[in-house]
Amino acid sequence: MRTSLRRAWSLAERRSGAAGVASSTAATAASVTPDEAVRSVRPLGSARVAWRGEPASAGVKACVLIPIYQHGSTIRSVVHSLADLWLPCFIVNDGSDASTGSVLEALEEELDWVEVEHHATNRGKGVALRDGYRLAASRGFTHVVQLDADAQHDAADVSRFLEAALEFPDALVLGRPLFDQSAPMSRLYGRRLSVGLVWLATLSRQVRDPLCGFRCIPLAPTLALMDRIAMGDHMEFEPELAVRLIWEGVPVVNVDTRVRYFPGGISHFDVLWDDLRLAWLYTRLALGALPRAPRLLARRNPQPQ
């Protein structure tokens, strides 16, 4: 399987041979701020050509990362929806049961662009994502587009995250969810509170949603941060990573993306423990913002390099 995956990577690289995309985006990146880049990303529903490996242009070599725990009923459709992108896909199985494991093994056998890493026990989403980042970097990738395994994220938007990363290779590209009426009101209120607390911790409004798991991660600054700072192992990891990358001076681009909730969908958010972890995280981040306040206030909307 590893040999087949390497062949898939070679195919993606050959298809990305045209570097003209880089020149067309470089001029834009020099004159457009990250907040303006939010508006420059194509609107939802617009016609577009499949990505087919182009992120190797402009210094961006991307793959897809999916952390999974007990989502055997949805992962197949999520993975197959990515096929037209011609991107390698890493799946980190965070201790799922045998049923989900068998689905993942079948996918790895069927698709030569899919590789699955397994955790023997459930260690938390934060751990799964960090392991996925390190795995992608070890394979030579510079960026990871991550999405969830439960089919709530619209996989057709992966290319829009990659387009934003091409314009701003140094930026953290965050999904800004567009919810329909299926979204529970309790989740919406909780997200609004998280947004406000992250704005407080960063002294800016750069992050439009710190909890959305659909994002494009620049690996170089992320791995450097992970090597220095011990971050949360569970649901608190994603907002903490966003805040700490902003503290490091990484610019942010927000991309609108649809998020859907399905009847009977499985959620692994623990209302008690994950809320407590988030509360403790936001307390620590608010305190951490105090000594950084002069620098954060002086560095509003940093320009991508």
C-alpha atoms as a PDB file:
ATOM      1  CA  MET A   1       0.000   0.000   0.000  1.00  0.00           C
ATOM      2  CA  ARG A   2       2.797   2.482   0.787  1.00  0.00           C
ATOM      3  CA  THR A   3       4.235   1.871  -2.706  1.00  0.00           C
ATOM      4  CA  SER A   4       0.845   2.573  -4.273  1.00  0.00           C
ATOM      5  CA  LEU A   5       0.494   5.743  -2.219  1.00  0.00           C
ATOM      6  CA  ARG A   6       3.903   6.962  -3.398  1.00  0.00           C
ATOM      7  CA  ARG A   7       2.765   6.370  -6.997  1.00  0.00           C
ATOM      8  CA  ALA A   8      -0.327   8.460  -6.286  1.00  0.00           C
ATOM      9  CA  TRP A   9       1.846  11.294  -4.939  1.00  0.00           C
ATOM     10  CA  SER A  10       4.036  11.145  -8.047  1.00  0.00           C
ATOM     11  CA  LEU A  11       0.952  11.364 -10.232  1.00  0.00           C
ATOM     12  CA  ALA A  12      -0.309  14.392  -8.292  1.00  0.00           C
ATOM     13  CA  GLU A  13       3.083  16.089  -8.624  1.00  0.00           C
ATOM     14  CA  ARG A  14       3.222  15.512 -12.365  1.00  0.00           C
ATOM     15  CA  ARG A  15      -0.241  16.976 -12.748  1.00  0.00           C
ATOM     16  CA  SER A  16       0.911  20.083 -10.877  1.00  0.00           C
ATOM     17  CA  GLY A  17       3.734  20.846 -13.278  1.00  0.00           C
ATOM     18  CA  ALA A  18       2.270  24.130 -14.504  1.00  0.00           C
ATOM     19  CA  ALA A  19       3.598  26.776 -12.141  1.00  0.00           C
ATOM     20  CA  GLY A  20       1.636  29.583 -13.743  1.00  0.00           C
ATOM     21  CA  VAL A  21      -0.791  29.598 -10.837  1.00  0.00           C
ATOM     22  CA  ALA A  22       1.967  30.950  -8.624  1.00  0.00           C
ATOM     23  CA  SER A  23       2.601  34.045 -10.716  1.00  0.00           C
ATOM     24  CA  SER A  24      -1.085  34.875 -10.964  1.00  0.00           C
ATOM     25  CA  THR A  25      -1.518  34.770  -7.180  1.00  0.00           C
ATOM     26  CA  ALA A  26       1.743  36.405  -6.105  1.00  0.00           C
ATOM     27  CA  ALA A  27       0.705  39.880  -7.202  1.00  0.00           C
ATOM     28  CA  THR A  28      -2.609  39.538  -5.400  1.00  0.00           C
ATOM     29  CA  ALA A  29      -0.932  38.375  -2.206  1.00  0.00           C
ATOM     30  CA  ALA A  30       1.319  41.418  -2.250  1.00  0.00           C
ATOM     31  CA  SER A  31      -1.603  43.859  -2.222  1.00  0.00           C
ATOM     32  CA  VAL A  32      -4.515  42.102  -0.486  1.00  0.00           C
ATOM     33  CA  THR A  33      -4.809  41.757   3.291  1.00  0.00           C
ATOM     34  CA  PRO A  34      -5.990  38.478   4.834  1.00  0.00           C
ATOM     35  CA  ASP A  35      -9.392  39.996   5.659  1.00  0.00           C
ATOM     36  CA  GLU A  36      -9.804  41.083   2.042  1.00  0.00           C
ATOM     37  CA  ALA A  37      -8.813  37.578   1.019  1.00  0.00           C
ATOM     38  CA  VAL A  38     -11.999  36.373   2.687  1.00  0.00           C
ATOM     39  CA  ARG A  39     -13.923  38.199  -0.002  1.00  0.00           C
ATOM     40  CA  SER A  40     -11.551  37.142  -2.781  1.00  0.00           C
ATOM     41  CA  VAL A  41     -12.299  33.433  -2.316  1.00  0.00           C
ATOM     42  CA  ARG A  42     -14.938  32.339  -4.782  1.00  0.00           C
ATOM     43  CA  PRO A  43     -18.523  32.384  -3.501  1.00  0.00           C
ATOM     44  CA  LEU A  44     -20.231  29.112  -2.685  1.00  0.00           C
ATOM     45  CA  GLY A  45     -21.764  27.386  -5.667  1.00  0.00           C
ATOM     46  CA  SER A  46     -19.521  29.022  -8.262  1.00  0.00           C
ATOM     47  CA  ALA A  47     -18.274  26.972 -11.185  1.00  0.00           C
ATOM     48  CA  ARG A  48     -14.734  25.716 -10.785  1.00  0.00           C
ATOM     49  CA  VAL A  49     -12.297  23.171 -12.162  1.00  0.00           C
ATOM     50  CA  ALA A  50     -11.211  20.240  -9.978  1.00  0.00           C
ATOM     51  CA  TRP A  51      -7.975  20.894  -8.126  1.00  0.00           C
ATOM     52  CA  ARG A  52      -6.122  17.838  -9.440  1.00  0.00           C
ATOM     53  CA  GLY A  53      -2.891  18.336  -7.584  1.00  0.00           C
ATOM     54  CA  GLU A  54      -2.271  22.032  -8.275  1.00  0.00           C
ATOM     55  CA  PRO A  55      -1.332  22.860  -4.656  1.00  0.00           C
ATOM     56  CA  ALA A  56       2.254  21.813  -5.399  1.00  0.00           C
ATOM     57  CA  SER A  57       2.495  25.228  -7.093  1.00  0.00           C
ATOM     58  CA  ALA A  58       3.621  28.385  -5.285  1.00  0.00           C
ATOM     59  CA  GLY A  59       5.475  26.422  -2.616  1.00  0.00           C
ATOM     60  CA  VAL A  60       2.294  24.709  -1.438  1.00  0.00           C
ATOM     61  CA  LYS A  61       2.335  20.917  -1.470  1.00  0.00           C
ATOM     62  CA  ALA A  62      -0.894  19.826   0.186  1.00  0.00           C
ATOM     63  CA  CYS A  63      -2.602  16.684   1.338  1.00  0.00           C
ATOM     64  CA  VAL A  64      -5.869  15.917   3.114  1.00  0.00           C
ATOM     65  CA  LEU A  65      -6.071  14.817   6.758  1.00  0.00           C
ATOM     66  CA  ILE A  66      -9.096  13.231   8.418  1.00  0.00           C
ATOM     67  CA  PRO A  67      -9.104  12.317  12.114  1.00  0.00           C
ATOM     68  CA  ILE A  68     -11.690   9.659  12.871  1.00  0.00           C
ATOM     69  CA  TYR A  69     -13.274   8.013  15.875  1.00  0.00           C
ATOM     70  CA  GLN A  70     -16.290   5.726  15.429  1.00  0.00           C
ATOM     71  CA  HIS A  71     -17.517   7.224  12.146  1.00  0.00           C
ATOM     72  CA  GLY A  72     -17.462   4.062  10.068  1.00  0.00           C
ATOM     73  CA  SER A  73     -20.892   4.824   8.597  1.00  0.00           C
ATOM     74  CA  THR A  74     -19.815   8.121   6.993  1.00  0.00           C
ATOM     75  CA  ILE A  75     -16.080   7.920   6.264  1.00  0.00           C
ATOM     76  CA  ARG A  76     -16.477   6.064   2.980  1.00  0.00           C
ATOM     77  CA  SER A  77     -18.652   8.779   1.441  1.00  0.00           C
ATOM     78  CA  VAL A  78     -16.324  11.507   2.770  1.00  0.00           C
ATOM     79  CA  VAL A  79     -13.245   9.885   1.244  1.00  0.00           C
ATOM     80  CA  HIS A  80     -14.867   9.139  -2.111  1.00  0.00           C
ATOM     81  CA  SER A  81     -16.029  12.765  -2.333  1.00  0.00           C
ATOM     82  CA  LEU A  82     -12.340  13.760  -2.390  1.00  0.00           C
ATOM     83  CA  ALA A  83     -11.358  11.556  -5.334  1.00  0.00           C
ATOM     84  CA  ASP A  84     -11.458  14.275  -8.011  1.00  0.00           C
ATOM     85  CA  LEU A  85      -8.914  16.390  -6.145  1.00  0.00           C
ATOM     86  CA  TRP A  86      -6.001  13.988  -6.806  1.00  0.00           C
ATOM     87  CA  LEU A  87      -4.598  14.648  -3.354  1.00  0.00           C
ATOM     88  CA  PRO A  88      -3.107  12.041  -0.998  1.00  0.00           C
ATOM     89  CA  CYS A  89      -5.307  11.507   2.043  1.00  0.00           C
ATOM     90  CA  PHE A  90      -4.127  10.533   5.513  1.00  0.00           C
ATOM     91  CA  ILE A  91      -6.662   9.165   7.979  1.00  0.00           C
ATOM     92  CA  VAL A  92      -5.748   8.918  11.659  1.00  0.00           C
ATOM     93  CA  ASN A  93      -7.918   6.316  13.343  1.00  0.00           C
ATOM     94  CA  ASP A  94      -8.053   7.362  16.989  1.00  0.00           C
ATOM     95  CA  GLY A  95      -8.862   4.020  18.564  1.00  0.00           C
ATOM     96  CA  SER A  96     -12.153   3.276  16.774  1.00  0.00           C
ATOM     97  CA  ASP A  97     -13.882  -0.068  17.159  1.00  0.00           C
ATOM     98  CA  ALA A  98     -13.441  -3.056  14.829  1.00  0.00           C
ATOM     99  CA  SER A  99     -16.381  -2.021  12.654  1.00  0.00           C
ATOM    100  CA  THR A 100     -14.875   1.360  11.770  1.00  0.00           C
ATOM    101  CA  GLY A 101     -11.432  -0.224  11.507  1.00  0.00           C
ATOM    102  CA  SER A 102     -12.629  -2.691   8.888  1.00  0.00           C
ATOM    103  CA  VAL A 103     -14.098   0.131   6.784  1.00  0.00           C
ATOM    104  CA  LEU A 104     -10.780   1.972   6.942  1.00  0.00           C
ATOM    105  CA  GLU A 105      -8.823  -1.129   5.979  1.00  0.00           C
ATOM    106  CA  ALA A 106     -11.104  -1.626   2.975  1.00  0.00           C
ATOM    107  CA  LEU A 107     -10.644   1.993   1.880  1.00  0.00           C
ATOM    108  CA  GLU A 108      -6.876   1.677   2.133  1.00  0.00           C
ATOM    109  CA  GLU A 109      -6.979  -1.428  -0.031  1.00  0.00           C
ATOM    110  CA  GLU A 110      -9.303   0.113  -2.629  1.00  0.00           C
ATOM    111  CA  LEU A 111      -7.685   3.534  -3.009  1.00  0.00           C
ATOM    112  CA  ASP A 112      -3.971   3.923  -3.609  1.00  0.00           C
ATOM    113  CA  TRP A 113      -4.054   7.567  -2.443  1.00  0.00           C
ATOM    114  CA  VAL A 114      -5.329   6.758   1.050  1.00  0.00           C
ATOM    115  CA  GLU A 115      -3.125   5.849   4.026  1.00  0.00           C
ATOM    116  CA  VAL A 116      -4.482   5.020   7.476  1.00  0.00           C
ATOM    117  CA  GLU A 117      -2.590   5.371  10.741  1.00  0.00           C
ATOM    118  CA  HIS A 118      -4.070   3.629  13.778  1.00  0.00           C
ATOM    119  CA  HIS A 119      -4.048   4.488  17.473  1.00  0.00           C
ATOM    120  CA  ALA A 120      -4.512   1.454  19.708  1.00  0.00           C
ATOM    121  CA  THR A 121      -6.699   3.488  22.089  1.00  0.00           C
ATOM    122  CA  ASN A 122      -8.734   6.676  21.889  1.00  0.00           C
ATOM    123  CA  ARG A 123      -6.293   9.472  22.729  1.00  0.00           C
ATOM    124  CA  GLY A 124      -8.291  12.555  21.697  1.00  0.00           C
ATOM    125  CA  LYS A 125      -8.787  14.625  18.565  1.00  0.00           C
ATOM    126  CA  GLY A 126      -5.889  16.920  19.391  1.00  0.00           C
ATOM    127  CA  VAL A 127      -3.480  13.983  19.542  1.00  0.00           C
ATOM    128  CA  ALA A 128      -4.840  12.556  16.278  1.00  0.00           C
ATOM    129  CA  LEU A 129      -4.389  15.888  14.500  1.00  0.00           C
ATOM    130  CA  ARG A 130      -0.860  16.401  15.793  1.00  0.00           C
ATOM    131  CA  ASP A 131       0.112  12.895  14.691  1.00  0.00           C
ATOM    132  CA  GLY A 132      -1.421  13.608  11.297  1.00  0.00           C
ATOM    133  CA  TYR A 133       0.517  16.858  10.919  1.00  0.00           C
ATOM    134  CA  ARG A 134       3.786  15.111  11.713  1.00  0.00           C
ATOM    135  CA  LEU A 135       2.979  12.276   9.332  1.00  0.00           C
ATOM    136  CA  ALA A 136       2.217  14.696   6.501  1.00  0.00           C
ATOM    137  CA  ALA A 137       5.414  16.658   7.124  1.00  0.00           C
ATOM    138  CA  SER A 138       7.453  13.455   7.123  1.00  0.00           C
ATOM    139  CA  ARG A 139       6.103  12.758   3.632  1.00  0.00           C
ATOM    140  CA  GLY A 140       7.231  16.174   2.392  1.00  0.00           C
ATOM    141  CA  PHE A 141       3.933  18.080   2.515  1.00  0.00           C
ATOM    142  CA  THR A 142       3.832  21.760   3.434  1.00  0.00           C
ATOM    143  CA  HIS A 143       0.097  22.121   4.067  1.00  0.00           C
ATOM    144  CA  VAL A 144      -2.704  19.954   5.385  1.00  0.00           C
ATOM    145  CA  VAL A 145      -6.383  20.459   4.626  1.00  0.00           C
ATOM    146  CA  GLN A 146      -8.234  18.816   7.494  1.00  0.00           C
ATOM    147  CA  LEU A 147     -11.907  17.969   7.699  1.00  0.00           C
ATOM    148  CA  ASP A 148     -14.054  15.796   9.915  1.00  0.00           C
ATOM    149  CA  ALA A 149     -15.109  12.229   9.231  1.00  0.00           C
ATOM    150  CA  ASP A 150     -18.812  12.723  10.014  1.00  0.00           C
ATOM    151  CA  ALA A 151     -19.750  14.293   6.624  1.00  0.00           C
ATOM    152  CA  GLN A 152     -20.798  17.594   8.214  1.00  0.00           C
ATOM    153  CA  HIS A 153     -18.195  19.425   6.136  1.00  0.00           C
ATOM    154  CA  ASP A 154     -18.702  19.957   2.411  1.00  0.00           C
ATOM    155  CA  ALA A 155     -15.729  18.205   0.795  1.00  0.00           C
ATOM    156  CA  ALA A 156     -16.327  20.182  -2.396  1.00  0.00           C
ATOM    157  CA  ASP A 157     -14.918  23.198  -0.539  1.00  0.00           C
ATOM    158  CA  VAL A 158     -11.467  21.634  -0.091  1.00  0.00           C
ATOM    159  CA  SER A 159     -10.362  23.297  -3.318  1.00  0.00           C
ATOM    160  CA  ARG A 160     -11.460  26.690  -1.984  1.00  0.00           C
ATOM    161  CA  PHE A 161      -9.253  26.270   1.075  1.00  0.00           C
ATOM    162  CA  LEU A 162      -6.381  25.344  -1.223  1.00  0.00           C
ATOM    163  CA  GLU A 163      -6.997  28.386  -3.424  1.00  0.00           C
ATOM    164  CA  ALA A 164      -6.737  30.574  -0.324  1.00  0.00           C
ATOM    165  CA  ALA A 165      -3.537  28.786   0.715  1.00  0.00           C
ATOM    166  CA  LEU A 166      -2.047  29.406  -2.721  1.00  0.00           C
ATOM    167  CA  GLU A 167      -2.709  33.132  -2.384  1.00  0.00           C
ATOM    168  CA  PHE A 168      -1.393  33.217   1.179  1.00  0.00           C
ATOM    169  CA  PRO A 169       0.966  30.241   1.721  1.00  0.00           C
ATOM    170  CA  ASP A 170       2.006  31.463   5.179  1.00  0.00           C
ATOM    171  CA  ALA A 171      -1.547  31.908   6.454  1.00  0.00           C
ATOM    172  CA  LEU A 172      -3.766  29.750   8.618  1.00  0.00           C
ATOM    173  CA  VAL A 173      -6.928  29.210   6.545  1.00  0.00           C
ATOM    174  CA  LEU A 174      -9.961  28.737   8.785  1.00  0.00           C
ATOM    175  CA  GLY A 175     -13.440  27.629   7.889  1.00  0.00           C
ATOM    176  CA  ARG A 176     -16.205  30.082   8.751  1.00  0.00           C
ATOM    177  CA  PRO A 177     -19.280  27.839   9.051  1.00  0.00           C
ATOM    178  CA  LEU A 178     -22.521  28.687   7.322  1.00  0.00           C
ATOM    179  CA  PHE A 179     -25.151  26.788   9.277  1.00  0.00           C
ATOM    180  CA  ASP A 180     -28.634  25.882   8.118  1.00  0.00           C
ATOM    181  CA  GLN A 181     -31.642  25.214  10.330  1.00  0.00           C
ATOM    182  CA  SER A 182     -30.319  21.760  11.236  1.00  0.00           C
ATOM    183  CA  ALA A 183     -27.761  23.314  13.610  1.00  0.00           C
ATOM    184  CA  PRO A 184     -28.748  23.054  17.305  1.00  0.00           C
ATOM    185  CA  MET A 185     -29.161  26.477  18.893  1.00  0.00           C
ATOM    186  CA  SER A 186     -27.036  25.396  21.870  1.00  0.00           C
ATOM    187  CA  ARG A 187     -24.110  24.813  19.500  1.00  0.00           C
ATOM    188  CA  LEU A 188     -24.571  28.219  17.883  1.00  0.00           C
ATOM    189  CA  TYR A 189     -24.603  30.049  21.210  1.00  0.00           C
ATOM    190  CA  GLY A 190     -21.553  28.138  22.377  1.00  0.00           C
ATOM    191  CA  ARG A 191     -19.670  29.056  19.214  1.00  0.00           C
ATOM    192  CA  ARG A 192     -20.507  32.734  19.608  1.00  0.00           C
ATOM    193  CA  LEU A 193     -19.084  32.656  23.116  1.00  0.00           C
ATOM    194  CA  SER A 194     -15.927  30.945  21.848  1.00  0.00           C
ATOM    195  CA  VAL A 195     -15.529  33.543  19.103  1.00  0.00           C
ATOM    196  CA  GLY A 196     -15.697  36.380  21.615  1.00  0.00           C
ATOM    197  CA  LEU A 197     -13.209  34.742  23.950  1.00  0.00           C
ATOM    198  CA  VAL A 198     -10.749  34.133  21.102  1.00  0.00           C
ATOM    199  CA  TRP A 199     -11.099  37.764  20.017  1.00  0.00           C
ATOM    200  CA  LEU A 200     -10.199  38.700  23.590  1.00  0.00           C
ATOM    201  CA  ALA A 201      -7.190  36.363  23.607  1.00  0.00           C
ATOM    202  CA  THR A 202      -5.870  37.702  20.299  1.00  0.00           C
ATOM    203  CA  LEU A 203      -7.036  41.328  20.692  1.00  0.00           C
ATOM    204  CA  SER A 204      -8.335  41.106  17.139  1.00  0.00           C
ATOM    205  CA  ARG A 205     -11.230  39.791  15.108  1.00  0.00           C
ATOM    206  CA  GLN A 206      -9.114  37.727  12.749  1.00  0.00           C
ATOM    207  CA  VAL A 207     -10.681  34.406  13.762  1.00  0.00           C
ATOM    208  CA  ARG A 208     -14.329  34.172  12.698  1.00  0.00           C
ATOM    209  CA  ASP A 209     -14.807  30.667  14.152  1.00  0.00           C
ATOM    210  CA  PRO A 210     -12.162  28.950  16.306  1.00  0.00           C
ATOM    211  CA  LEU A 211     -13.977  25.613  16.595  1.00  0.00           C
ATOM    212  CA  CYS A 212     -14.518  24.674  12.951  1.00  0.00           C
ATOM    213  CA  GLY A 213     -12.475  21.577  12.115  1.00  0.00           C
ATOM    214  CA  PHE A 214     -12.388  22.414   8.404  1.00  0.00           C
ATOM    215  CA  ARG A 215      -9.153  24.348   7.873  1.00  0.00           C
ATOM    216  CA  CYS A 216      -5.857  24.434   5.999  1.00  0.00           C
ATOM    217  CA  ILE A 217      -2.783  24.251   8.222  1.00  0.00           C
ATOM    218  CA  PRO A 218       0.663  25.622   7.258  1.00  0.00           C
ATOM    219  CA  LEU A 219       2.855  22.900   8.676  1.00  0.00           C
ATOM    220  CA  ALA A 220       6.136  24.758   9.220  1.00  0.00           C
ATOM    221  CA  PRO A 221       4.936  27.204  11.909  1.00  0.00           C
ATOM    222  CA  THR A 222       2.553  24.619  13.343  1.00  0.00           C
ATOM    223  CA  LEU A 223       5.219  21.986  13.879  1.00  0.00           C
ATOM    224  CA  ALA A 224       7.616  24.571  15.317  1.00  0.00           C
ATOM    225  CA  LEU A 225       4.915  25.585  17.795  1.00  0.00           C
ATOM    226  CA  MET A 226       4.123  21.959  18.672  1.00  0.00           C
ATOM    227  CA  ASP A 227       7.782  21.326  19.402  1.00  0.00           C
ATOM    228  CA  ARG A 228       7.815  24.153  21.956  1.00  0.00           C
ATOM    229  CA  ILE A 229       4.347  24.153  23.508  1.00  0.00           C
ATOM    230  CA  ALA A 230       2.264  21.314  24.944  1.00  0.00           C
ATOM    231  CA  MET A 231      -1.292  21.890  23.735  1.00  0.00           C
ATOM    232  CA  GLY A 232      -4.593  20.196  24.549  1.00  0.00           C
ATOM    233  CA  ASP A 233      -5.325  16.617  23.549  1.00  0.00           C
ATOM    234  CA  HIS A 234      -9.044  16.934  22.946  1.00  0.00           C
ATOM    235  CA  MET A 235     -11.533  19.382  21.395  1.00  0.00           C
ATOM    236  CA  GLU A 236      -9.687  22.358  22.894  1.00  0.00           C
ATOM    237  CA  PHE A 237      -6.695  21.774  20.612  1.00  0.00           C
ATOM    238  CA  GLU A 238      -8.108  23.521  17.537  1.00  0.00           C
ATOM    239  CA  PRO A 239      -8.957  26.891  19.135  1.00  0.00           C
ATOM    240  CA  GLU A 240      -5.682  26.827  21.065  1.00  0.00           C
ATOM    241  CA  LEU A 241      -3.694  26.224  17.888  1.00  0.00           C
ATOM    242  CA  ALA A 242      -5.425  29.135  16.131  1.00  0.00           C
ATOM    243  CA  VAL A 243      -4.727  31.549  18.998  1.00  0.00           C
ATOM    244  CA  ARG A 244      -1.123  30.511  19.452  1.00  0.00           C
ATOM    245  CA  LEU A 245      -0.388  30.760  15.728  1.00  0.00           C
ATOM    246  CA  ILE A 246      -1.758  34.310  15.783  1.00  0.00           C
ATOM    247  CA  TRP A 247       0.473  35.054  18.767  1.00  0.00           C
ATOM    248  CA  GLU A 248       3.363  33.813  16.602  1.00  0.00           C
ATOM    249  CA  GLY A 249       2.426  36.314  13.879  1.00  0.00           C
ATOM    250  CA  VAL A 250       0.781  33.888  11.453  1.00  0.00           C
ATOM    251  CA  PRO A 251      -1.919  35.688   9.411  1.00  0.00           C
ATOM    252  CA  VAL A 252      -5.434  34.295   9.111  1.00  0.00           C
ATOM    253  CA  VAL A 253      -7.722  33.868   6.131  1.00  0.00           C
ATOM    254  CA  ASN A 254     -11.368  32.885   6.715  1.00  0.00           C
ATOM    255  CA  VAL A 255     -13.289  30.891   4.108  1.00  0.00           C
ATOM    256  CA  ASP A 256     -17.059  30.495   4.197  1.00  0.00           C
ATOM    257  CA  THR A 257     -18.142  26.852   4.126  1.00  0.00           C
ATOM    258  CA  ARG A 258     -21.412  25.029   4.673  1.00  0.00           C
ATOM    259  CA  VAL A 259     -21.721  22.847   7.770  1.00  0.00           C
ATOM    260  CA  ARG A 260     -24.612  20.429   8.125  1.00  0.00           C
ATOM    261  CA  TYR A 261     -26.039  18.498  11.057  1.00  0.00           C
ATOM    262  CA  PHE A 262     -27.720  15.183  10.288  1.00  0.00           C
ATOM    263  CA  PRO A 263     -30.482  13.478  12.288  1.00  0.00           C
ATOM    264  CA  GLY A 264     -28.951  10.748  14.402  1.00  0.00           C
ATOM    265  CA  GLY A 265     -25.428  12.011  13.738  1.00  0.00           C
ATOM    266  CA  ILE A 266     -22.697  10.959  16.161  1.00  0.00           C
ATOM    267  CA  SER A 267     -21.004  13.693  18.164  1.00  0.00           C
ATOM    268  CA  HIS A 268     -18.015  13.051  20.406  1.00  0.00           C
ATOM    269  CA  PHE A 269     -18.193  16.448  22.096  1.00  0.00           C
ATOM    270  CA  ASP A 270     -18.491  15.781  25.821  1.00  0.00           C
ATOM    271  CA  VAL A 271     -20.720  18.558  27.125  1.00  0.00           C
ATOM    272  CA  LEU A 272     -19.222  18.364  30.624  1.00  0.00           C
ATOM    273  CA  TRP A 273     -15.539  17.617  30.133  1.00  0.00           C
ATOM    274  CA  ASP A 274     -14.983  19.378  26.814  1.00  0.00           C
ATOM    275  CA  ASP A 275     -16.747  22.502  28.074  1.00  0.00           C
ATOM    276  CA  LEU A 276     -14.547  22.428  31.184  1.00  0.00           C
ATOM    277  CA  ARG A 277     -11.442  22.009  29.037  1.00  0.00           C
ATOM    278  CA  LEU A 278     -12.496  24.929  26.854  1.00  0.00           C
ATOM    279  CA  ALA A 279     -13.248  27.115  29.868  1.00  0.00           C
ATOM    280  CA  TRP A 280      -9.808  26.433  31.329  1.00  0.00           C
ATOM    281  CA  LEU A 281      -8.205  27.002  27.917  1.00  0.00           C
ATOM    282  CA  TYR A 282      -9.870  30.388  27.400  1.00  0.00           C
ATOM    283  CA  THR A 283      -8.884  31.447  30.921  1.00  0.00           C
ATOM    284  CA  ARG A 284      -5.243  30.579  30.243  1.00  0.00           C
ATOM    285  CA  LEU A 285      -5.297  32.256  26.826  1.00  0.00           C
ATOM    286  CA  ALA A 286      -6.811  35.452  28.225  1.00  0.00           C
ATOM    287  CA  LEU A 287      -4.084  35.583  30.859  1.00  0.00           C
ATOM    288  CA  GLY A 288      -1.483  34.795  28.218  1.00  0.00           C
ATOM    289  CA  ALA A 289      -2.687  37.704  26.123  1.00  0.00           C
ATOM    290  CA  LEU A 290      -1.840  40.235  28.837  1.00  0.00           C
ATOM    291  CA  PRO A 291       1.969  40.249  28.424  1.00  0.00           C
ATOM    292  CA  ARG A 292       1.531  39.996  24.653  1.00  0.00           C
ATOM    293  CA  ALA A 293      -0.946  42.887  24.430  1.00  0.00           C
ATOM    294  CA  PRO A 294       1.466  45.608  23.221  1.00  0.00           C
ATOM    295  CA  ARG A 295       2.776  43.387  20.442  1.00  0.00           C
ATOM    296  CA  LEU A 296      -0.692  42.142  19.453  1.00  0.00           C
ATOM    297  CA  LEU A 297      -2.099  45.664  19.299  1.00  0.00           C
ATOM    298  CA  ALA A 298       0.847  46.865  17.224  1.00  0.00           C
ATOM    299  CA  ARG A 299       0.503  43.993  14.788  1.00  0.00           C
ATOM    300  CA  ARG A 300      -2.999  44.222  13.394  1.00  0.00           C
ATOM    301  CA  ASN A 301      -3.754  42.179  10.221  1.00  0.00           C
ATOM    302  CA  PRO A 302      -0.195  41.011   9.518  1.00  0.00           C
ATOM    303  CA  GLN A 303       0.605  40.799   5.816  1.00  0.00           C
ATOM    304  CA  PRO A 304       1.469  37.354   4.432  1.00  0.00           C
ATOM    305  CA  GLN A 305       5.123  37.140   3.430  1.00  0.00           C
END
